Amino acid sequence: MYQPVIISSGLVGWQFLQRTYDQQFTAFNQSAELKRDTDHFIENIGSVRSAEDLVSDRRMLTVALGAFGLQDDINNRFFIEKMLSDGTTANDALANRFTDTRYQDFSAAFGLGQGEIPRTSRPDFAAEIISKYQANSFEIATGNQDDTMRVALYAERVLPDVVGGDGSSAQKWFSIMGQPPLRNLFETALGLPDAFGQADIDFQLGVFQDRAERIFGVSDPAEFAEPENLERVVNAFLARSQLEAGGAGSSSAAIALTLLQA
């Protein structure tokens, strides 16, 4: 299988990855293993009408979970079946109990809960899920070489949708906090300590708002859907990550971080 090429850590490596992304992404998704899984998904997803139908087919489930970054749950069949069969319409549905909003997004996307209308037979459904699966798979492969690149790619793809919907500023911050990659992005970019996530949730909200305003001039997460603000937070994350890791390039990372925060 094609492995993404990362020439360097930090901003230099990120700029190279951005320039070559389309070419590398295409090469990665032409691999036989990924094509077998996606072809199987296309051929069979239209017949899925229940949670049991989906979890009983491991290859389809691999694509379904992978599309939402939940691939590590592939062996938790009972848990996933319960998640899907509960749906998301009831307040006490299993997916709605998690702070990680990817579970809610996953369950809602398939519409297999009681009283819900399955979305699996919609003409564009397979293409939508496969597009997410391919993107997430490429991000995982990139992360195997440099996890900061994986977080940056994920943020570019997902953050605008997370902060661009309805809901208050506080709700959007909670959605960011509920997704581990996005929490990592902001905690690092804002210079927060490792133990910060153990603090009271309302205290965390205040700190995120205050530091984002002080460092980026932005306290409402909706503004991070704007390309220039998204670029600033991603670049700050990469620069600070490189500083924390030390090694070659840390001086240039310090200069870049200073410029980004000016």
C-alpha atoms as a PDB file:
ATOM      1  CA  MET A   1       0.000   0.000   0.000  1.00  0.00           C
ATOM      2  CA  TYR A   2       1.184   3.518  -0.801  1.00  0.00           C
ATOM      3  CA  GLN A   3       2.562   5.365   2.218  1.00  0.00           C
ATOM      4  CA  PRO A   4       2.273   9.167   2.374  1.00  0.00           C
ATOM      5  CA  VAL A   5       5.545  11.064   2.016  1.00  0.00           C
ATOM      6  CA  ILE A   6       6.387  13.427   4.900  1.00  0.00           C
ATOM      7  CA  ILE A   7       9.663  15.271   4.319  1.00  0.00           C
ATOM      8  CA  SER A   8       9.851  17.092   7.663  1.00  0.00           C
ATOM      9  CA  SER A   9       7.965  17.857  10.838  1.00  0.00           C
ATOM     10  CA  GLY A  10       6.346  21.201  11.595  1.00  0.00           C
ATOM     11  CA  LEU A  11       5.391  23.911   9.125  1.00  0.00           C
ATOM     12  CA  VAL A  12       7.883  22.878   6.444  1.00  0.00           C
ATOM     13  CA  GLY A  13       6.503  19.352   6.317  1.00  0.00           C
ATOM     14  CA  TRP A  14       2.931  20.659   6.397  1.00  0.00           C
ATOM     15  CA  GLN A  15       3.509  22.997   3.458  1.00  0.00           C
ATOM     16  CA  PHE A  16       4.961  20.131   1.421  1.00  0.00           C
ATOM     17  CA  LEU A  17       2.018  17.887   2.312  1.00  0.00           C
ATOM     18  CA  GLN A  18      -0.454  20.567   1.261  1.00  0.00           C
ATOM     19  CA  ARG A  19       1.298  21.056  -2.093  1.00  0.00           C
ATOM     20  CA  THR A  20       1.345  17.330  -2.858  1.00  0.00           C
ATOM     21  CA  TYR A  21      -1.917  16.321  -1.162  1.00  0.00           C
ATOM     22  CA  ASP A  22      -4.017  15.669  -4.267  1.00  0.00           C
ATOM     23  CA  GLN A  23      -1.351  13.527  -5.909  1.00  0.00           C
ATOM     24  CA  GLN A  24      -0.600  11.561  -2.744  1.00  0.00           C
ATOM     25  CA  PHE A  25      -4.277  11.132  -1.844  1.00  0.00           C
ATOM     26  CA  THR A  26      -5.055   9.694  -5.292  1.00  0.00           C
ATOM     27  CA  ALA A  27      -2.116   7.288  -5.171  1.00  0.00           C
ATOM     28  CA  PHE A  28      -3.085   6.124  -1.680  1.00  0.00           C
ATOM     29  CA  ASN A  29      -6.694   5.382  -2.599  1.00  0.00           C
ATOM     30  CA  GLN A  30      -5.729   3.353  -5.657  1.00  0.00           C
ATOM     31  CA  SER A  31      -4.352   0.620  -3.400  1.00  0.00           C
ATOM     32  CA  ALA A  32      -5.974  -2.797  -3.920  1.00  0.00           C
ATOM     33  CA  GLU A  33      -6.915  -3.234  -0.249  1.00  0.00           C
ATOM     34  CA  LEU A  34      -8.856   0.016   0.002  1.00  0.00           C
ATOM     35  CA  LYS A  35     -10.539  -0.541  -3.354  1.00  0.00           C
ATOM     36  CA  ARG A  36     -11.741  -3.989  -2.301  1.00  0.00           C
ATOM     37  CA  ASP A  37     -13.355  -2.557   0.827  1.00  0.00           C
ATOM     38  CA  THR A  38     -14.955   0.429  -0.915  1.00  0.00           C
ATOM     39  CA  ASP A  39     -16.223  -1.659  -3.839  1.00  0.00           C
ATOM     40  CA  HIS A  40     -17.797  -4.109  -1.384  1.00  0.00           C
ATOM     41  CA  PHE A  41     -19.440  -1.222   0.455  1.00  0.00           C
ATOM     42  CA  ILE A  42     -20.898   0.206  -2.776  1.00  0.00           C
ATOM     43  CA  GLU A  43     -22.285  -3.171  -3.815  1.00  0.00           C
ATOM     44  CA  ASN A  44     -23.915  -4.040  -0.499  1.00  0.00           C
ATOM     45  CA  ILE A  45     -24.822  -0.951   1.532  1.00  0.00           C
ATOM     46  CA  GLY A  46     -28.124  -0.455  -0.310  1.00  0.00           C
ATOM     47  CA  SER A  47     -29.468  -3.685   1.186  1.00  0.00           C
ATOM     48  CA  VAL A  48     -28.755  -2.635   4.790  1.00  0.00           C
ATOM     49  CA  ARG A  49     -31.992  -1.942   6.665  1.00  0.00           C
ATOM     50  CA  SER A  50     -30.999  -2.536  10.283  1.00  0.00           C
ATOM     51  CA  ALA A  51     -28.091  -2.174  12.675  1.00  0.00           C
ATOM     52  CA  GLU A  52     -27.684  -5.952  12.665  1.00  0.00           C
ATOM     53  CA  ASP A  53     -27.342  -5.971   8.872  1.00  0.00           C
ATOM     54  CA  LEU A  54     -24.424  -3.565   9.060  1.00  0.00           C
ATOM     55  CA  VAL A  55     -22.487  -5.029  11.993  1.00  0.00           C
ATOM     56  CA  SER A  56     -22.785  -8.567  10.609  1.00  0.00           C
ATOM     57  CA  ASP A  57     -20.684  -7.570   7.579  1.00  0.00           C
ATOM     58  CA  ARG A  58     -17.208  -6.742   8.881  1.00  0.00           C
ATOM     59  CA  ARG A  59     -15.964  -5.259   5.617  1.00  0.00           C
ATOM     60  CA  MET A  60     -18.879  -2.848   5.369  1.00  0.00           C
ATOM     61  CA  LEU A  61     -18.532  -2.011   9.054  1.00  0.00           C
ATOM     62  CA  THR A  62     -14.839  -1.257   8.515  1.00  0.00           C
ATOM     63  CA  VAL A  63     -15.737   1.420   5.977  1.00  0.00           C
ATOM     64  CA  ALA A  64     -18.674   2.731   8.036  1.00  0.00           C
ATOM     65  CA  LEU A  65     -16.648   3.179  11.222  1.00  0.00           C
ATOM     66  CA  GLY A  66     -13.552   4.382   9.393  1.00  0.00           C
ATOM     67  CA  ALA A  67     -15.546   7.185   7.782  1.00  0.00           C
ATOM     68  CA  PHE A  68     -16.073   8.709  11.239  1.00  0.00           C
ATOM     69  CA  GLY A  69     -12.679   7.953  12.747  1.00  0.00           C
ATOM     70  CA  LEU A  70     -14.144   5.168  14.904  1.00  0.00           C
ATOM     71  CA  GLN A  71     -12.157   2.283  13.385  1.00  0.00           C
ATOM     72  CA  ASP A  72     -10.814   1.244  16.795  1.00  0.00           C
ATOM     73  CA  ASP A  73     -14.342   0.074  17.709  1.00  0.00           C
ATOM     74  CA  ILE A  74     -14.443  -2.552  14.953  1.00  0.00           C
ATOM     75  CA  ASN A  75     -14.452  -5.441  17.447  1.00  0.00           C
ATOM     76  CA  ASN A  76     -17.111  -3.908  19.726  1.00  0.00           C
ATOM     77  CA  ARG A  77     -19.996  -5.347  17.720  1.00  0.00           C
ATOM     78  CA  PHE A  78     -22.639  -5.260  20.475  1.00  0.00           C
ATOM     79  CA  PHE A  79     -21.743  -1.670  21.353  1.00  0.00           C
ATOM     80  CA  ILE A  80     -21.949  -0.499  17.726  1.00  0.00           C
ATOM     81  CA  GLU A  81     -25.217  -2.350  17.096  1.00  0.00           C
ATOM     82  CA  LYS A  82     -26.731  -0.704  20.167  1.00  0.00           C
ATOM     83  CA  MET A  83     -25.409   2.684  19.039  1.00  0.00           C
ATOM     84  CA  LEU A  84     -27.041   2.326  15.629  1.00  0.00           C
ATOM     85  CA  SER A  85     -30.317   0.751  16.759  1.00  0.00           C
ATOM     86  CA  ASP A  86     -30.837   3.476  19.380  1.00  0.00           C
ATOM     87  CA  GLY A  87     -30.516   6.183  16.735  1.00  0.00           C
ATOM     88  CA  THR A  88     -30.162   9.787  17.873  1.00  0.00           C
ATOM     89  CA  THR A  89     -33.698  11.147  18.213  1.00  0.00           C
ATOM     90  CA  ALA A  90     -34.164  10.159  21.881  1.00  0.00           C
ATOM     91  CA  ASN A  91     -32.262  12.183  24.480  1.00  0.00           C
ATOM     92  CA  ASP A  92     -31.153   9.006  26.251  1.00  0.00           C
ATOM     93  CA  ALA A  93     -29.940   7.279  23.050  1.00  0.00           C
ATOM     94  CA  LEU A  94     -26.499   5.749  23.518  1.00  0.00           C
ATOM     95  CA  ALA A  95     -24.814   7.996  20.934  1.00  0.00           C
ATOM     96  CA  ASN A  96     -26.124  11.099  22.683  1.00  0.00           C
ATOM     97  CA  ARG A  97     -24.501  10.130  25.986  1.00  0.00           C
ATOM     98  CA  PHE A  98     -20.945  10.557  24.687  1.00  0.00           C
ATOM     99  CA  THR A  99     -19.021  13.808  24.716  1.00  0.00           C
ATOM    100  CA  ASP A 100     -17.259  12.564  21.574  1.00  0.00           C
ATOM    101  CA  THR A 101     -19.703  13.792  18.926  1.00  0.00           C
ATOM    102  CA  ARG A 102     -18.364  11.401  16.293  1.00  0.00           C
ATOM    103  CA  TYR A 103     -20.613   8.683  17.730  1.00  0.00           C
ATOM    104  CA  GLN A 104     -23.696  10.836  17.274  1.00  0.00           C
ATOM    105  CA  ASP A 105     -22.617  11.764  13.740  1.00  0.00           C
ATOM    106  CA  PHE A 106     -22.071   8.084  12.910  1.00  0.00           C
ATOM    107  CA  SER A 107     -25.446   6.924  14.172  1.00  0.00           C
ATOM    108  CA  ALA A 108     -27.330   9.833  12.600  1.00  0.00           C
ATOM    109  CA  ALA A 109     -25.653   9.297   9.217  1.00  0.00           C
ATOM    110  CA  PHE A 110     -27.061   5.775   8.824  1.00  0.00           C
ATOM    111  CA  GLY A 111     -30.529   6.417  10.253  1.00  0.00           C
ATOM    112  CA  LEU A 112     -30.995   2.865  11.514  1.00  0.00           C
ATOM    113  CA  GLY A 113     -32.647   3.720  14.840  1.00  0.00           C
ATOM    114  CA  GLN A 114     -36.188   2.852  15.791  1.00  0.00           C
ATOM    115  CA  GLY A 115     -38.608   5.185  14.010  1.00  0.00           C
ATOM    116  CA  GLU A 116     -35.866   6.584  11.770  1.00  0.00           C
ATOM    117  CA  ILE A 117     -35.701   6.254   7.992  1.00  0.00           C
ATOM    118  CA  PRO A 118     -32.587   4.373   6.814  1.00  0.00           C
ATOM    119  CA  ARG A 119     -30.375   6.525   4.627  1.00  0.00           C
ATOM    120  CA  THR A 120     -28.428   3.565   3.238  1.00  0.00           C
ATOM    121  CA  SER A 121     -30.407   3.300  -0.011  1.00  0.00           C
ATOM    122  CA  ARG A 122     -30.090   6.971  -0.956  1.00  0.00           C
ATOM    123  CA  PRO A 123     -28.306   7.420  -4.307  1.00  0.00           C
ATOM    124  CA  ASP A 124     -25.493   9.544  -2.896  1.00  0.00           C
ATOM    125  CA  PHE A 125     -25.060   7.736   0.425  1.00  0.00           C
ATOM    126  CA  ALA A 126     -22.295   5.280  -0.532  1.00  0.00           C
ATOM    127  CA  ALA A 127     -20.221   8.003  -2.201  1.00  0.00           C
ATOM    128  CA  GLU A 128     -20.584  10.268   0.846  1.00  0.00           C
ATOM    129  CA  ILE A 129     -19.398   7.602   3.301  1.00  0.00           C
ATOM    130  CA  ILE A 130     -16.574   6.409   1.062  1.00  0.00           C
ATOM    131  CA  SER A 131     -15.282   9.949   0.610  1.00  0.00           C
ATOM    132  CA  LYS A 132     -14.990  10.291   4.392  1.00  0.00           C
ATOM    133  CA  TYR A 133     -13.474   6.803   4.723  1.00  0.00           C
ATOM    134  CA  GLN A 134     -10.792   7.549   2.143  1.00  0.00           C
ATOM    135  CA  ALA A 135      -9.917  10.864   3.770  1.00  0.00           C
ATOM    136  CA  ASN A 136      -9.704   9.343   7.244  1.00  0.00           C
ATOM    137  CA  SER A 137      -7.656   6.372   6.002  1.00  0.00           C
ATOM    138  CA  PHE A 138      -5.149   8.724   4.389  1.00  0.00           C
ATOM    139  CA  GLU A 139      -4.972  10.730   7.604  1.00  0.00           C
ATOM    140  CA  ILE A 140      -4.271   7.563   9.615  1.00  0.00           C
ATOM    141  CA  ALA A 141      -1.489   6.556   7.217  1.00  0.00           C
ATOM    142  CA  THR A 142      -0.026  10.057   7.497  1.00  0.00           C
ATOM    143  CA  GLY A 143      -0.284   9.899  11.288  1.00  0.00           C
ATOM    144  CA  ASN A 144       1.709   6.673  11.351  1.00  0.00           C
ATOM    145  CA  GLN A 145       4.667   8.815  10.287  1.00  0.00           C
ATOM    146  CA  ASP A 146       3.815  12.112  11.997  1.00  0.00           C
ATOM    147  CA  ASP A 147       0.719  12.343  14.161  1.00  0.00           C
ATOM    148  CA  THR A 148       0.685  16.146  14.120  1.00  0.00           C
ATOM    149  CA  MET A 149       0.099  15.986  10.352  1.00  0.00           C
ATOM    150  CA  ARG A 150      -2.860  13.700  10.927  1.00  0.00           C
ATOM    151  CA  VAL A 151      -4.402  16.139  13.417  1.00  0.00           C
ATOM    152  CA  ALA A 152      -3.836  19.057  11.027  1.00  0.00           C
ATOM    153  CA  LEU A 153      -5.444  17.227   8.105  1.00  0.00           C
ATOM    154  CA  TYR A 154      -8.393  16.191  10.254  1.00  0.00           C
ATOM    155  CA  ALA A 155      -8.896  19.743  11.484  1.00  0.00           C
ATOM    156  CA  GLU A 156      -8.856  21.177   7.962  1.00  0.00           C
ATOM    157  CA  ARG A 157     -11.484  18.663   6.891  1.00  0.00           C
ATOM    158  CA  VAL A 158     -13.762  18.539   9.935  1.00  0.00           C
ATOM    159  CA  LEU A 159     -13.479  21.746  11.977  1.00  0.00           C
ATOM    160  CA  PRO A 160     -15.462  24.005   9.599  1.00  0.00           C
ATOM    161  CA  ASP A 161     -18.453  21.634   9.807  1.00  0.00           C
ATOM    162  CA  VAL A 162     -18.206  21.283  13.592  1.00  0.00           C
ATOM    163  CA  VAL A 163     -18.239  25.033  14.205  1.00  0.00           C
ATOM    164  CA  GLY A 164     -20.341  26.082  11.244  1.00  0.00           C
ATOM    165  CA  GLY A 165     -23.719  24.668  12.276  1.00  0.00           C
ATOM    166  CA  ASP A 166     -26.410  25.898  14.615  1.00  0.00           C
ATOM    167  CA  GLY A 167     -25.802  26.274  18.324  1.00  0.00           C
ATOM    168  CA  SER A 168     -24.237  28.717  20.725  1.00  0.00           C
ATOM    169  CA  SER A 169     -20.571  29.548  20.985  1.00  0.00           C
ATOM    170  CA  ALA A 170     -20.372  27.460  24.169  1.00  0.00           C
ATOM    171  CA  GLN A 171     -21.983  24.449  22.484  1.00  0.00           C
ATOM    172  CA  LYS A 172     -19.445  24.631  19.679  1.00  0.00           C
ATOM    173  CA  TRP A 173     -16.560  24.751  22.133  1.00  0.00           C
ATOM    174  CA  PHE A 174     -18.021  21.674  23.853  1.00  0.00           C
ATOM    175  CA  SER A 175     -18.173  19.922  20.463  1.00  0.00           C
ATOM    176  CA  ILE A 176     -14.490  20.718  19.938  1.00  0.00           C
ATOM    177  CA  MET A 177     -13.657  19.438  23.409  1.00  0.00           C
ATOM    178  CA  GLY A 178     -15.635  16.257  22.674  1.00  0.00           C
ATOM    179  CA  GLN A 179     -13.550  15.281  19.641  1.00  0.00           C
ATOM    180  CA  PRO A 180     -10.059  14.144  20.744  1.00  0.00           C
ATOM    181  CA  PRO A 181      -8.214  15.332  17.588  1.00  0.00           C
ATOM    182  CA  LEU A 182      -9.790  18.805  17.764  1.00  0.00           C
ATOM    183  CA  ARG A 183      -9.198  19.059  21.515  1.00  0.00           C
ATOM    184  CA  ASN A 184      -5.558  18.156  20.881  1.00  0.00           C
ATOM    185  CA  LEU A 185      -5.352  20.822  18.172  1.00  0.00           C
ATOM    186  CA  PHE A 186      -6.637  23.633  20.370  1.00  0.00           C
ATOM    187  CA  GLU A 187      -4.975  22.578  23.620  1.00  0.00           C
ATOM    188  CA  THR A 188      -1.615  22.538  21.852  1.00  0.00           C
ATOM    189  CA  ALA A 189      -2.182  25.712  19.811  1.00  0.00           C
ATOM    190  CA  LEU A 190      -3.280  27.568  22.950  1.00  0.00           C
ATOM    191  CA  GLY A 191      -0.379  26.263  25.047  1.00  0.00           C
ATOM    192  CA  LEU A 192      -2.517  24.400  27.584  1.00  0.00           C
ATOM    193  CA  PRO A 193      -0.981  21.760  29.896  1.00  0.00           C
ATOM    194  CA  ASP A 194      -1.519  18.007  29.515  1.00  0.00           C
ATOM    195  CA  ALA A 195      -3.703  17.817  32.644  1.00  0.00           C
ATOM    196  CA  PHE A 196      -6.012  20.586  31.457  1.00  0.00           C
ATOM    197  CA  GLY A 197      -8.722  18.111  30.384  1.00  0.00           C
ATOM    198  CA  GLN A 198      -9.187  16.992  33.993  1.00  0.00           C
ATOM    199  CA  ALA A 199     -10.424  20.422  35.075  1.00  0.00           C
ATOM    200  CA  ASP A 200     -14.085  21.345  35.534  1.00  0.00           C
ATOM    201  CA  ILE A 201     -15.767  21.528  32.115  1.00  0.00           C
ATOM    202  CA  ASP A 202     -17.084  25.073  32.612  1.00  0.00           C
ATOM    203  CA  PHE A 203     -13.624  26.202  33.691  1.00  0.00           C
ATOM    204  CA  GLN A 204     -12.203  24.638  30.520  1.00  0.00           C
ATOM    205  CA  LEU A 205     -14.744  26.530  28.432  1.00  0.00           C
ATOM    206  CA  GLY A 206     -13.700  29.855  29.954  1.00  0.00           C
ATOM    207  CA  VAL A 207     -10.016  29.142  29.372  1.00  0.00           C
ATOM    208  CA  PHE A 208     -10.578  28.138  25.741  1.00  0.00           C
ATOM    209  CA  GLN A 209     -12.553  31.324  25.119  1.00  0.00           C
ATOM    210  CA  ASP A 210     -10.088  33.620  26.897  1.00  0.00           C
ATOM    211  CA  ARG A 211      -6.947  32.169  25.330  1.00  0.00           C
ATOM    212  CA  ALA A 212      -8.423  32.006  21.845  1.00  0.00           C
ATOM    213  CA  GLU A 213      -9.382  35.663  22.123  1.00  0.00           C
ATOM    214  CA  ARG A 214      -5.952  36.622  23.429  1.00  0.00           C
ATOM    215  CA  ILE A 215      -3.910  34.591  20.919  1.00  0.00           C
ATOM    216  CA  PHE A 216      -6.076  34.624  17.795  1.00  0.00           C
ATOM    217  CA  GLY A 217      -8.478  37.499  18.444  1.00  0.00           C
ATOM    218  CA  VAL A 218     -11.324  34.979  18.159  1.00  0.00           C
ATOM    219  CA  SER A 219     -13.522  33.655  20.981  1.00  0.00           C
ATOM    220  CA  ASP A 220     -16.468  32.346  18.935  1.00  0.00           C
ATOM    221  CA  PRO A 221     -15.515  28.974  17.367  1.00  0.00           C
ATOM    222  CA  ALA A 222     -17.693  29.762  14.332  1.00  0.00           C
ATOM    223  CA  GLU A 223     -14.962  32.136  13.194  1.00  0.00           C
ATOM    224  CA  PHE A 224     -12.543  29.215  12.822  1.00  0.00           C
ATOM    225  CA  ALA A 225     -14.596  28.115   9.816  1.00  0.00           C
ATOM    226  CA  GLU A 226     -12.991  31.067   7.997  1.00  0.00           C
ATOM    227  CA  PRO A 227      -9.937  29.805   6.046  1.00  0.00           C
ATOM    228  CA  GLU A 228      -7.542  32.429   7.426  1.00  0.00           C
ATOM    229  CA  ASN A 229      -8.472  31.668  11.055  1.00  0.00           C
ATOM    230  CA  LEU A 230      -8.334  27.916  10.474  1.00  0.00           C
ATOM    231  CA  GLU A 231      -4.893  28.303   8.912  1.00  0.00           C
ATOM    232  CA  ARG A 232      -3.671  30.326  11.901  1.00  0.00           C
ATOM    233  CA  VAL A 233      -4.749  27.762  14.488  1.00  0.00           C
ATOM    234  CA  VAL A 234      -3.342  24.843  12.457  1.00  0.00           C
ATOM    235  CA  ASN A 235      -0.020  26.637  11.952  1.00  0.00           C
ATOM    236  CA  ALA A 236       0.174  27.513  15.659  1.00  0.00           C
ATOM    237  CA  PHE A 237      -0.532  23.857  16.522  1.00  0.00           C
ATOM    238  CA  LEU A 238       2.244  22.636  14.233  1.00  0.00           C
ATOM    239  CA  ALA A 239       4.756  25.253  15.395  1.00  0.00           C
ATOM    240  CA  ARG A 240       4.101  24.609  19.086  1.00  0.00           C
ATOM    241  CA  SER A 241       4.172  20.822  18.547  1.00  0.00           C
ATOM    242  CA  GLN A 242       7.578  21.145  16.904  1.00  0.00           C
ATOM    243  CA  LEU A 243       8.815  23.309  19.766  1.00  0.00           C
ATOM    244  CA  GLU A 244       7.632  20.800  22.353  1.00  0.00           C
ATOM    245  CA  ALA A 245       9.283  17.946  20.459  1.00  0.00           C
ATOM    246  CA  GLY A 246      12.566  19.868  20.208  1.00  0.00           C
ATOM    247  CA  GLY A 247      15.178  18.777  17.728  1.00  0.00           C
ATOM    248  CA  ALA A 248      15.937  20.243  14.334  1.00  0.00           C
ATOM    249  CA  GLY A 249      13.826  23.157  13.265  1.00  0.00           C
ATOM    250  CA  SER A 250      12.754  24.193  16.751  1.00  0.00           C
ATOM    251  CA  SER A 251      14.302  27.658  16.369  1.00  0.00           C
ATOM    252  CA  SER A 252      12.359  28.314  13.172  1.00  0.00           C
ATOM    253  CA  ALA A 253       9.227  26.980  14.877  1.00  0.00           C
ATOM    254  CA  ALA A 254       9.719  29.467  17.717  1.00  0.00           C
ATOM    255  CA  ILE A 255      10.029  32.323  15.228  1.00  0.00           C
ATOM    256  CA  ALA A 256       6.934  31.144  13.355  1.00  0.00           C
ATOM    257  CA  LEU A 257       4.936  30.852  16.571  1.00  0.00           C
ATOM    258  CA  THR A 258       5.931  34.372  17.605  1.00  0.00           C
ATOM    259  CA  LEU A 259       4.818  35.741  14.233  1.00  0.00           C
ATOM    260  CA  LEU A 260       1.545  33.832  14.349  1.00  0.00           C
ATOM    261  CA  GLN A 261       0.699  35.219  17.783  1.00  0.00           C
ATOM    262  CA  ALA A 262       1.752  38.796  16.997  1.00  0.00           C
END
